[in-house]
Amino acid sequence: MKERDSYRGHVGEHRIPRGIVAEATARTMFTLNRYAPAPELADFVDYHWVLHWDLRGKPAHDQRVLPNLAVHVTFFPGASGVYGPAHDVFSHRLEGRVQGLGVRFRPGCFRAFLDAPVSDITDRAVPLADVFGPKAIEAAESVQNAAGDEPMVRAIDNLLIANPVVLSPAARRAAEAVESIARDPGITRVAQLCADTGLTTRSVQRLFAEHVGCTPKWAIRIYRLNDAAQRITTQGEPDYAGLADRLGYSDQSHFIRDFRAVTGAPPAEYARAARADSERTPDSERT
């Protein structure tokens, strides 16, 4: 079984907004491994992600994740479901000893499983059985009882393969449009995306509503602001005016407003929190 830390898509190396907030602390709270899906699922799934944590006798930990475009299907005690694309920071409380698995679907490629526009599940979650039937509950139990990552991944691969679907031409165009954004940080406006894909503005908007679950403008914003959060986390306090310009913002104040709307904090505050997180976490505990 192949673990992978980056996604090589159909046309090259792509950015994937993962957005784990306070990553230095997070690495001391849980282990995260990513695995390639079965070949039959490569058109639909970016990767499986497997989490383990053991906080018995320790305080609970609230883990936050920045919003992204992907549909995630999760198999965790108390948090199993189909989670649509989000506009807000996601938070989950970690406590006790738990193992579980999530599936990150390629943005634009979940429509066939859902049998409805992906915008129907934006900013909300629906039960596993509503989408995958009763066998999803059995698969969730298999994940909880698995002795290792490989049987977890196999159980969920089998569940998804048992629901055979075909990636439609429209879904493929939607996925390729998102991958255009992921591949080219220079795409900062919808007009540029239209030029890159050869689609009209209205066509791109319809395509994203049906298959991605958000507007193309929001998709571009998510990539830009995840990039900004990553740079702020790794570089400390950069030149915010210069960063705003590189990300395609007309002025620094617009960038700050967008950054705060997505992350919940202005850039300077986010940078201070990231720096404090790194400083209070010993190197020996960063696994």
C-alpha atoms as a PDB file:
ATOM      1  CA  MET A   1       0.000   0.000   0.000  1.00  0.00           C
ATOM      2  CA  LYS A   2       1.488   3.292  -1.096  1.00  0.00           C
ATOM      3  CA  GLU A   3       1.561   6.243   1.289  1.00  0.00           C
ATOM      4  CA  ARG A   4       1.838   9.632  -0.307  1.00  0.00           C
ATOM      5  CA  ASP A   5       2.340  13.108   1.062  1.00  0.00           C
ATOM      6  CA  SER A   6       1.569  14.982  -2.146  1.00  0.00           C
ATOM      7  CA  TYR A   7      -0.888  14.530  -4.969  1.00  0.00           C
ATOM      8  CA  ARG A   8       0.338  14.082  -8.506  1.00  0.00           C
ATOM      9  CA  GLY A   9      -2.694  14.780 -10.623  1.00  0.00           C
ATOM     10  CA  HIS A  10      -3.459  13.981 -14.218  1.00  0.00           C
ATOM     11  CA  VAL A  11      -1.509  16.937 -15.602  1.00  0.00           C
ATOM     12  CA  GLY A  12       1.207  17.574 -13.036  1.00  0.00           C
ATOM     13  CA  GLU A  13       1.891  18.556  -9.450  1.00  0.00           C
ATOM     14  CA  HIS A  14      -1.006  20.422  -7.848  1.00  0.00           C
ATOM     15  CA  ARG A  15      -1.484  22.427  -4.702  1.00  0.00           C
ATOM     16  CA  ILE A  16      -3.914  20.844  -2.250  1.00  0.00           C
ATOM     17  CA  PRO A  17      -5.196  23.151   0.515  1.00  0.00           C
ATOM     18  CA  ARG A  18      -4.909  21.061   3.687  1.00  0.00           C
ATOM     19  CA  GLY A  19      -4.863  23.967   6.139  1.00  0.00           C
ATOM     20  CA  ILE A  20      -4.172  22.269   9.470  1.00  0.00           C
ATOM     21  CA  VAL A  21      -4.191  25.136  11.968  1.00  0.00           C
ATOM     22  CA  ALA A  22      -1.424  25.139  14.607  1.00  0.00           C
ATOM     23  CA  GLU A  23       0.319  22.303  12.821  1.00  0.00           C
ATOM     24  CA  ALA A  24       3.250  22.067  15.248  1.00  0.00           C
ATOM     25  CA  THR A  25       0.879  21.288  18.115  1.00  0.00           C
ATOM     26  CA  ALA A  26      -1.298  19.087  15.908  1.00  0.00           C
ATOM     27  CA  ARG A  27       1.652  16.812  15.161  1.00  0.00           C
ATOM     28  CA  THR A  28       1.964  16.065  18.883  1.00  0.00           C
ATOM     29  CA  MET A  29      -1.728  15.200  19.180  1.00  0.00           C
ATOM     30  CA  PHE A  30      -2.245  12.719  16.343  1.00  0.00           C
ATOM     31  CA  THR A  31      -0.548  10.864  13.524  1.00  0.00           C
ATOM     32  CA  LEU A  32      -1.696  11.464   9.971  1.00  0.00           C
ATOM     33  CA  ASN A  33      -0.924   9.190   7.015  1.00  0.00           C
ATOM     34  CA  ARG A  34      -2.177   9.601   3.440  1.00  0.00           C
ATOM     35  CA  TYR A  35      -2.669   6.716   1.022  1.00  0.00           C
ATOM     36  CA  ALA A  36      -3.404   6.443  -2.669  1.00  0.00           C
ATOM     37  CA  PRO A  37      -6.824   4.969  -3.543  1.00  0.00           C
ATOM     38  CA  ALA A  38      -7.379   1.787  -5.534  1.00  0.00           C
ATOM     39  CA  PRO A  39      -6.684   2.310  -9.254  1.00  0.00           C
ATOM     40  CA  GLU A  40     -10.415   2.041 -10.031  1.00  0.00           C
ATOM     41  CA  LEU A  41     -10.991   5.171  -7.917  1.00  0.00           C
ATOM     42  CA  ALA A  42      -8.162   7.325  -9.228  1.00  0.00           C
ATOM     43  CA  ASP A  43     -10.525   9.518 -11.274  1.00  0.00           C
ATOM     44  CA  PHE A  44     -12.561  10.345  -8.180  1.00  0.00           C
ATOM     45  CA  VAL A  45     -10.339  10.265  -5.095  1.00  0.00           C
ATOM     46  CA  ASP A  46      -7.236  12.307  -4.279  1.00  0.00           C
ATOM     47  CA  TYR A  47      -6.239  10.174  -1.302  1.00  0.00           C
ATOM     48  CA  HIS A  48      -7.347   8.475   1.898  1.00  0.00           C
ATOM     49  CA  TRP A  49      -6.186  10.080   5.134  1.00  0.00           C
ATOM     50  CA  VAL A  50      -5.872   8.000   8.297  1.00  0.00           C
ATOM     51  CA  LEU A  51      -5.731   9.517  11.788  1.00  0.00           C
ATOM     52  CA  HIS A  52      -4.731   7.920  15.077  1.00  0.00           C
ATOM     53  CA  TRP A  53      -4.715   9.670  18.422  1.00  0.00           C
ATOM     54  CA  ASP A  54      -4.390   8.571  22.034  1.00  0.00           C
ATOM     55  CA  LEU A  55      -5.219  11.335  24.500  1.00  0.00           C
ATOM     56  CA  ARG A  56      -6.272   9.099  27.372  1.00  0.00           C
ATOM     57  CA  GLY A  57      -5.387  10.867  30.598  1.00  0.00           C
ATOM     58  CA  LYS A  58      -4.682  14.090  28.701  1.00  0.00           C
ATOM     59  CA  PRO A  59      -6.801  17.179  28.018  1.00  0.00           C
ATOM     60  CA  ALA A  60      -9.001  17.101  24.926  1.00  0.00           C
ATOM     61  CA  HIS A  61      -7.677  18.924  21.883  1.00  0.00           C
ATOM     62  CA  ASP A  62      -9.785  21.041  19.531  1.00  0.00           C
ATOM     63  CA  GLN A  63      -8.260  20.737  16.072  1.00  0.00           C
ATOM     64  CA  ARG A  64      -9.132  23.366  13.478  1.00  0.00           C
ATOM     65  CA  VAL A  65      -8.789  23.026   9.709  1.00  0.00           C
ATOM     66  CA  LEU A  66      -9.119  25.814   7.153  1.00  0.00           C
ATOM     67  CA  PRO A  67     -11.932  25.486   4.581  1.00  0.00           C
ATOM     68  CA  ASN A  68     -11.239  23.770   1.272  1.00  0.00           C
ATOM     69  CA  LEU A  69     -13.129  22.699  -1.844  1.00  0.00           C
ATOM     70  CA  ALA A  70     -13.121  18.934  -1.410  1.00  0.00           C
ATOM     71  CA  VAL A  71     -15.924  16.626  -0.354  1.00  0.00           C
ATOM     72  CA  HIS A  72     -14.646  14.486   2.519  1.00  0.00           C
ATOM     73  CA  VAL A  73     -16.244  11.179   3.489  1.00  0.00           C
ATOM     74  CA  THR A  74     -15.239  10.287   7.047  1.00  0.00           C
ATOM     75  CA  PHE A  75     -15.365   7.169   9.196  1.00  0.00           C
ATOM     76  CA  PHE A  76     -14.791   8.217  12.819  1.00  0.00           C
ATOM     77  CA  PRO A  77     -16.771   7.531  16.012  1.00  0.00           C
ATOM     78  CA  GLY A  78     -19.266  10.363  16.322  1.00  0.00           C
ATOM     79  CA  ALA A  79     -18.021  12.034  13.158  1.00  0.00           C
ATOM     80  CA  SER A  80     -18.907   9.731  10.278  1.00  0.00           C
ATOM     81  CA  GLY A  81     -20.567  11.341   7.298  1.00  0.00           C
ATOM     82  CA  VAL A  82     -20.282  13.041   3.940  1.00  0.00           C
ATOM     83  CA  TYR A  83     -18.957  16.562   4.470  1.00  0.00           C
ATOM     84  CA  GLY A  84     -19.486  19.052   1.676  1.00  0.00           C
ATOM     85  CA  PRO A  85     -17.185  21.911   0.662  1.00  0.00           C
ATOM     86  CA  ALA A  86     -16.949  24.498   3.425  1.00  0.00           C
ATOM     87  CA  HIS A  87     -16.782  28.257   3.705  1.00  0.00           C
ATOM     88  CA  ASP A  88     -15.815  28.245   7.404  1.00  0.00           C
ATOM     89  CA  VAL A  89     -13.059  26.804   9.550  1.00  0.00           C
ATOM     90  CA  PHE A  90     -13.861  23.228  10.630  1.00  0.00           C
ATOM     91  CA  SER A  91     -13.214  22.204  14.245  1.00  0.00           C
ATOM     92  CA  HIS A  92     -13.256  18.740  15.789  1.00  0.00           C
ATOM     93  CA  ARG A  93     -12.581  17.741  19.399  1.00  0.00           C
ATOM     94  CA  LEU A  94     -10.046  14.963  19.870  1.00  0.00           C
ATOM     95  CA  GLU A  95     -10.249  12.963  23.071  1.00  0.00           C
ATOM     96  CA  GLY A  96      -9.719   9.405  24.226  1.00  0.00           C
ATOM     97  CA  ARG A  97      -8.175   6.849  21.889  1.00  0.00           C
ATOM     98  CA  VAL A  98      -9.498   6.828  18.334  1.00  0.00           C
ATOM     99  CA  GLN A  99      -8.572   5.695  14.865  1.00  0.00           C
ATOM    100  CA  GLY A 100     -10.414   6.596  11.698  1.00  0.00           C
ATOM    101  CA  LEU A 101     -10.213   7.288   7.998  1.00  0.00           C
ATOM    102  CA  GLY A 102     -11.330  10.029   5.660  1.00  0.00           C
ATOM    103  CA  VAL A 103     -11.555  10.118   1.880  1.00  0.00           C
ATOM    104  CA  ARG A 104     -10.664  13.323   0.083  1.00  0.00           C
ATOM    105  CA  PHE A 105     -12.504  13.394  -3.230  1.00  0.00           C
ATOM    106  CA  ARG A 106     -11.130  15.383  -6.126  1.00  0.00           C
ATOM    107  CA  PRO A 107     -13.058  18.661  -6.260  1.00  0.00           C
ATOM    108  CA  GLY A 108     -15.628  18.318  -9.028  1.00  0.00           C
ATOM    109  CA  CYS A 109     -15.770  14.511  -8.906  1.00  0.00           C
ATOM    110  CA  PHE A 110     -18.308  13.624  -6.189  1.00  0.00           C
ATOM    111  CA  ARG A 111     -21.469  14.459  -8.138  1.00  0.00           C
ATOM    112  CA  ALA A 112     -21.951  10.883  -9.437  1.00  0.00           C
ATOM    113  CA  PHE A 113     -21.927   9.416  -5.913  1.00  0.00           C
ATOM    114  CA  LEU A 114     -24.267  12.072  -4.541  1.00  0.00           C
ATOM    115  CA  ASP A 115     -26.762  11.981  -7.429  1.00  0.00           C
ATOM    116  CA  ALA A 116     -27.519  15.650  -6.779  1.00  0.00           C
ATOM    117  CA  PRO A 117     -25.720  18.963  -7.240  1.00  0.00           C
ATOM    118  CA  VAL A 118     -22.764  19.188  -4.876  1.00  0.00           C
ATOM    119  CA  SER A 119     -24.017  22.618  -3.822  1.00  0.00           C
ATOM    120  CA  ASP A 120     -26.793  20.721  -2.007  1.00  0.00           C
ATOM    121  CA  ILE A 121     -24.266  19.653   0.655  1.00  0.00           C
ATOM    122  CA  THR A 122     -22.087  22.768   0.789  1.00  0.00           C
ATOM    123  CA  ASP A 123     -21.418  23.776   4.407  1.00  0.00           C
ATOM    124  CA  ARG A 124     -23.169  20.727   5.806  1.00  0.00           C
ATOM    125  CA  ALA A 125     -22.815  16.991   6.361  1.00  0.00           C
ATOM    126  CA  VAL A 126     -25.156  14.140   5.502  1.00  0.00           C
ATOM    127  CA  PRO A 127     -25.177  10.591   6.946  1.00  0.00           C
ATOM    128  CA  LEU A 128     -23.041   7.978   5.211  1.00  0.00           C
ATOM    129  CA  ALA A 129     -26.013   5.682   4.610  1.00  0.00           C
ATOM    130  CA  ASP A 130     -27.892   8.441   2.771  1.00  0.00           C
ATOM    131  CA  VAL A 131     -25.241   8.357   0.054  1.00  0.00           C
ATOM    132  CA  PHE A 132     -23.664   4.900   0.197  1.00  0.00           C
ATOM    133  CA  GLY A 133     -26.442   2.781   1.727  1.00  0.00           C
ATOM    134  CA  PRO A 134     -26.321   0.466   4.761  1.00  0.00           C
ATOM    135  CA  LYS A 135     -22.998  -1.086   3.750  1.00  0.00           C
ATOM    136  CA  ALA A 136     -21.356   2.202   4.701  1.00  0.00           C
ATOM    137  CA  ILE A 137     -22.178   1.452   8.351  1.00  0.00           C
ATOM    138  CA  GLU A 138     -20.467  -1.935   8.041  1.00  0.00           C
ATOM    139  CA  ALA A 139     -17.448  -0.237   6.469  1.00  0.00           C
ATOM    140  CA  ALA A 140     -17.289   2.251   9.345  1.00  0.00           C
ATOM    141  CA  GLU A 141     -17.263  -0.647  11.814  1.00  0.00           C
ATOM    142  CA  SER A 142     -14.471  -2.298   9.833  1.00  0.00           C
ATOM    143  CA  VAL A 143     -12.413   0.883  10.114  1.00  0.00           C
ATOM    144  CA  GLN A 144     -12.895   1.048  13.875  1.00  0.00           C
ATOM    145  CA  ASN A 145     -11.938  -2.611  14.338  1.00  0.00           C
ATOM    146  CA  ALA A 146      -9.030  -2.652  11.884  1.00  0.00           C
ATOM    147  CA  ALA A 147      -5.587  -3.667  13.109  1.00  0.00           C
ATOM    148  CA  GLY A 148      -3.589  -1.226  11.018  1.00  0.00           C
ATOM    149  CA  ASP A 149      -4.018   1.269   8.210  1.00  0.00           C
ATOM    150  CA  GLU A 150      -4.050  -1.162   5.296  1.00  0.00           C
ATOM    151  CA  PRO A 151      -7.302  -2.955   6.232  1.00  0.00           C
ATOM    152  CA  MET A 152      -8.949   0.436   6.826  1.00  0.00           C
ATOM    153  CA  VAL A 153      -8.054   1.625   3.336  1.00  0.00           C
ATOM    154  CA  ARG A 154      -9.083  -1.682   1.789  1.00  0.00           C
ATOM    155  CA  ALA A 155     -12.502  -1.611   3.477  1.00  0.00           C
ATOM    156  CA  ILE A 156     -13.283   1.857   2.149  1.00  0.00           C
ATOM    157  CA  ASP A 157     -11.882   1.157  -1.308  1.00  0.00           C
ATOM    158  CA  ASN A 158     -14.204  -1.866  -1.455  1.00  0.00           C
ATOM    159  CA  LEU A 159     -17.179   0.244  -0.353  1.00  0.00           C
ATOM    160  CA  LEU A 160     -16.592   2.839  -3.063  1.00  0.00           C
ATOM    161  CA  ILE A 161     -15.864   0.286  -5.775  1.00  0.00           C
ATOM    162  CA  ALA A 162     -19.119  -1.505  -4.903  1.00  0.00           C
ATOM    163  CA  ASN A 163     -20.957   1.674  -5.956  1.00  0.00           C
ATOM    164  CA  PRO A 164     -19.667   1.905  -9.540  1.00  0.00           C
ATOM    165  CA  VAL A 165     -20.037   5.332 -11.104  1.00  0.00           C
ATOM    166  CA  VAL A 166     -18.703   7.018 -14.201  1.00  0.00           C
ATOM    167  CA  LEU A 167     -17.031  10.405 -14.312  1.00  0.00           C
ATOM    168  CA  SER A 168     -19.169  12.420 -16.700  1.00  0.00           C
ATOM    169  CA  PRO A 169     -17.670  14.826 -19.256  1.00  0.00           C
ATOM    170  CA  ALA A 170     -19.073  17.762 -17.254  1.00  0.00           C
ATOM    171  CA  ALA A 171     -17.506  16.470 -14.023  1.00  0.00           C
ATOM    172  CA  ARG A 172     -14.208  16.027 -15.809  1.00  0.00           C
ATOM    173  CA  ARG A 173     -14.374  19.633 -17.044  1.00  0.00           C
ATOM    174  CA  ALA A 174     -15.131  20.812 -13.504  1.00  0.00           C
ATOM    175  CA  ALA A 175     -12.201  18.848 -12.074  1.00  0.00           C
ATOM    176  CA  GLU A 176      -9.899  20.202 -14.769  1.00  0.00           C
ATOM    177  CA  ALA A 177     -11.050  23.756 -14.036  1.00  0.00           C
ATOM    178  CA  VAL A 178     -10.198  23.346 -10.346  1.00  0.00           C
ATOM    179  CA  GLU A 179      -6.881  21.800 -11.278  1.00  0.00           C
ATOM    180  CA  SER A 180      -6.162  24.817 -13.483  1.00  0.00           C
ATOM    181  CA  ILE A 181      -6.464  26.950 -10.342  1.00  0.00           C
ATOM    182  CA  ALA A 182      -4.347  24.505  -8.359  1.00  0.00           C
ATOM    183  CA  ARG A 183      -1.677  24.306 -11.023  1.00  0.00           C
ATOM    184  CA  ASP A 184      -1.347  28.037 -11.705  1.00  0.00           C
ATOM    185  CA  PRO A 185      -1.132  30.467  -8.747  1.00  0.00           C
ATOM    186  CA  GLY A 186      -1.316  33.242 -11.346  1.00  0.00           C
ATOM    187  CA  ILE A 187      -5.049  32.589 -11.807  1.00  0.00           C
ATOM    188  CA  THR A 188      -6.514  35.125  -9.406  1.00  0.00           C
ATOM    189  CA  ARG A 189      -9.683  36.144 -11.281  1.00  0.00           C
ATOM    190  CA  VAL A 190     -12.575  34.251 -12.847  1.00  0.00           C
ATOM    191  CA  ALA A 191     -11.843  35.859 -16.224  1.00  0.00           C
ATOM    192  CA  GLN A 192      -8.388  34.265 -16.180  1.00  0.00           C
ATOM    193  CA  LEU A 193      -9.912  30.883 -15.370  1.00  0.00           C
ATOM    194  CA  CYS A 194     -12.327  31.256 -18.288  1.00  0.00           C
ATOM    195  CA  ALA A 195      -9.442  32.082 -20.610  1.00  0.00           C
ATOM    196  CA  ASP A 196      -7.501  29.064 -19.361  1.00  0.00           C
ATOM    197  CA  THR A 197     -10.419  26.638 -19.756  1.00  0.00           C
ATOM    198  CA  GLY A 198     -12.030  28.144 -22.850  1.00  0.00           C
ATOM    199  CA  LEU A 199     -15.392  28.375 -21.061  1.00  0.00           C
ATOM    200  CA  THR A 200     -17.690  31.353 -20.655  1.00  0.00           C
ATOM    201  CA  THR A 201     -18.226  32.924 -17.250  1.00  0.00           C
ATOM    202  CA  ARG A 202     -21.775  31.562 -17.087  1.00  0.00           C
ATOM    203  CA  SER A 203     -20.636  28.067 -18.057  1.00  0.00           C
ATOM    204  CA  VAL A 204     -17.953  28.060 -15.364  1.00  0.00           C
ATOM    205  CA  GLN A 205     -20.446  29.270 -12.752  1.00  0.00           C
ATOM    206  CA  ARG A 206     -22.954  26.526 -13.631  1.00  0.00           C
ATOM    207  CA  LEU A 207     -20.234  23.898 -13.714  1.00  0.00           C
ATOM    208  CA  PHE A 208     -18.947  24.847 -10.263  1.00  0.00           C
ATOM    209  CA  ALA A 209     -22.413  24.979  -8.678  1.00  0.00           C
ATOM    210  CA  GLU A 210     -23.275  21.522 -10.005  1.00  0.00           C
ATOM    211  CA  HIS A 211     -19.982  19.699  -9.518  1.00  0.00           C
ATOM    212  CA  VAL A 212     -17.751  21.638  -7.111  1.00  0.00           C
ATOM    213  CA  GLY A 213     -20.336  23.114  -4.767  1.00  0.00           C
ATOM    214  CA  CYS A 214     -19.129  26.700  -4.706  1.00  0.00           C
ATOM    215  CA  THR A 215     -18.566  29.636  -7.026  1.00  0.00           C
ATOM    216  CA  PRO A 216     -15.370  29.824  -9.103  1.00  0.00           C
ATOM    217  CA  LYS A 217     -14.553  33.078  -7.313  1.00  0.00           C
ATOM    218  CA  TRP A 218     -14.648  31.293  -3.956  1.00  0.00           C
ATOM    219  CA  ALA A 219     -12.507  28.435  -5.317  1.00  0.00           C
ATOM    220  CA  ILE A 220      -9.803  30.865  -6.380  1.00  0.00           C
ATOM    221  CA  ARG A 221     -10.015  32.623  -3.022  1.00  0.00           C
ATOM    222  CA  ILE A 222      -9.596  29.367  -1.094  1.00  0.00           C
ATOM    223  CA  TYR A 223      -6.369  28.548  -2.918  1.00  0.00           C
ATOM    224  CA  ARG A 224      -5.025  32.074  -2.530  1.00  0.00           C
ATOM    225  CA  LEU A 225      -5.747  32.272   1.186  1.00  0.00           C
ATOM    226  CA  ASN A 226      -4.485  28.772   1.969  1.00  0.00           C
ATOM    227  CA  ASP A 227      -1.278  29.804   0.201  1.00  0.00           C
ATOM    228  CA  ALA A 228      -1.161  32.949   2.315  1.00  0.00           C
ATOM    229  CA  ALA A 229      -1.711  31.010   5.547  1.00  0.00           C
ATOM    230  CA  GLN A 230       1.083  28.603   4.609  1.00  0.00           C
ATOM    231  CA  ARG A 231       3.503  31.429   3.856  1.00  0.00           C
ATOM    232  CA  ILE A 232       2.632  33.252   7.056  1.00  0.00           C
ATOM    233  CA  THR A 233       3.094  30.053   9.064  1.00  0.00           C
ATOM    234  CA  THR A 234       6.485  29.244   7.561  1.00  0.00           C
ATOM    235  CA  GLN A 235       7.877  32.753   7.085  1.00  0.00           C
ATOM    236  CA  GLY A 236       6.613  34.552  10.168  1.00  0.00           C
ATOM    237  CA  GLU A 237       5.378  38.050   9.412  1.00  0.00           C
ATOM    238  CA  PRO A 238       6.036  38.780   5.728  1.00  0.00           C
ATOM    239  CA  ASP A 239       5.515  42.009   3.836  1.00  0.00           C
ATOM    240  CA  TYR A 240       1.711  41.867   3.788  1.00  0.00           C
ATOM    241  CA  ALA A 241       1.385  44.462   1.051  1.00  0.00           C
ATOM    242  CA  GLY A 242       3.772  42.465  -1.125  1.00  0.00           C
ATOM    243  CA  LEU A 243       2.010  39.199  -0.269  1.00  0.00           C
ATOM    244  CA  ALA A 244      -1.363  40.715  -1.163  1.00  0.00           C
ATOM    245  CA  ASP A 245       0.053  41.865  -4.497  1.00  0.00           C
ATOM    246  CA  ARG A 246       1.542  38.432  -5.295  1.00  0.00           C
ATOM    247  CA  LEU A 247      -1.810  36.828  -4.546  1.00  0.00           C
ATOM    248  CA  GLY A 248      -3.584  39.143  -6.974  1.00  0.00           C
ATOM    249  CA  TYR A 249      -5.272  41.530  -4.533  1.00  0.00           C
ATOM    250  CA  SER A 250      -5.713  45.120  -5.582  1.00  0.00           C
ATOM    251  CA  ASP A 251      -4.901  46.377  -2.073  1.00  0.00           C
ATOM    252  CA  GLN A 252      -3.756  45.115   1.310  1.00  0.00           C
ATOM    253  CA  SER A 253      -7.018  45.892   3.112  1.00  0.00           C
ATOM    254  CA  HIS A 254      -9.008  43.647   0.741  1.00  0.00           C
ATOM    255  CA  PHE A 255      -6.534  40.825   1.364  1.00  0.00           C
ATOM    256  CA  ILE A 256      -6.801  41.262   5.142  1.00  0.00           C
ATOM    257  CA  ARG A 257     -10.619  41.193   5.022  1.00  0.00           C
ATOM    258  CA  ASP A 258     -10.635  37.991   2.956  1.00  0.00           C
ATOM    259  CA  PHE A 259      -7.970  36.350   5.107  1.00  0.00           C
ATOM    260  CA  ARG A 260      -9.893  37.079   8.278  1.00  0.00           C
ATOM    261  CA  ALA A 261     -13.161  35.825   6.762  1.00  0.00           C
ATOM    262  CA  VAL A 262     -11.570  32.456   5.910  1.00  0.00           C
ATOM    263  CA  THR A 263      -9.234  31.876   8.865  1.00  0.00           C
ATOM    264  CA  GLY A 264     -11.041  33.754  11.631  1.00  0.00           C
ATOM    265  CA  ALA A 265      -8.056  36.022  12.322  1.00  0.00           C
ATOM    266  CA  PRO A 266      -6.233  38.843  10.550  1.00  0.00           C
ATOM    267  CA  PRO A 267      -2.830  37.904   9.064  1.00  0.00           C
ATOM    268  CA  ALA A 268      -0.691  39.467  11.822  1.00  0.00           C
ATOM    269  CA  GLU A 269      -2.660  37.673  14.555  1.00  0.00           C
ATOM    270  CA  TYR A 270      -2.531  34.396  12.612  1.00  0.00           C
ATOM    271  CA  ALA A 271       1.252  34.788  12.258  1.00  0.00           C
ATOM    272  CA  ARG A 272       1.704  35.442  15.989  1.00  0.00           C
ATOM    273  CA  ALA A 273      -0.379  32.383  16.865  1.00  0.00           C
ATOM    274  CA  ALA A 274       1.612  30.211  14.439  1.00  0.00           C
ATOM    275  CA  ARG A 275       4.886  31.483  15.876  1.00  0.00           C
ATOM    276  CA  ALA A 276       3.747  30.849  19.459  1.00  0.00           C
ATOM    277  CA  ASP A 277       2.553  27.369  18.475  1.00  0.00           C
ATOM    278  CA  SER A 278       5.952  26.534  16.993  1.00  0.00           C
ATOM    279  CA  GLU A 279       7.900  27.961  19.942  1.00  0.00           C
ATOM    280  CA  ARG A 280       5.987  26.022  22.583  1.00  0.00           C
ATOM    281  CA  THR A 281       6.325  22.707  20.762  1.00  0.00           C
ATOM    282  CA  PRO A 282       9.698  20.970  21.309  1.00  0.00           C
ATOM    283  CA  ASP A 283      11.420  19.729  18.160  1.00  0.00           C
ATOM    284  CA  SER A 284      11.477  16.214  19.630  1.00  0.00           C
ATOM    285  CA  GLU A 285       7.678  16.154  19.673  1.00  0.00           C
ATOM    286  CA  ARG A 286       7.208  17.186  16.017  1.00  0.00           C
ATOM    287  CA  THR A 287       6.719  13.853  14.312  1.00  0.00           C
END
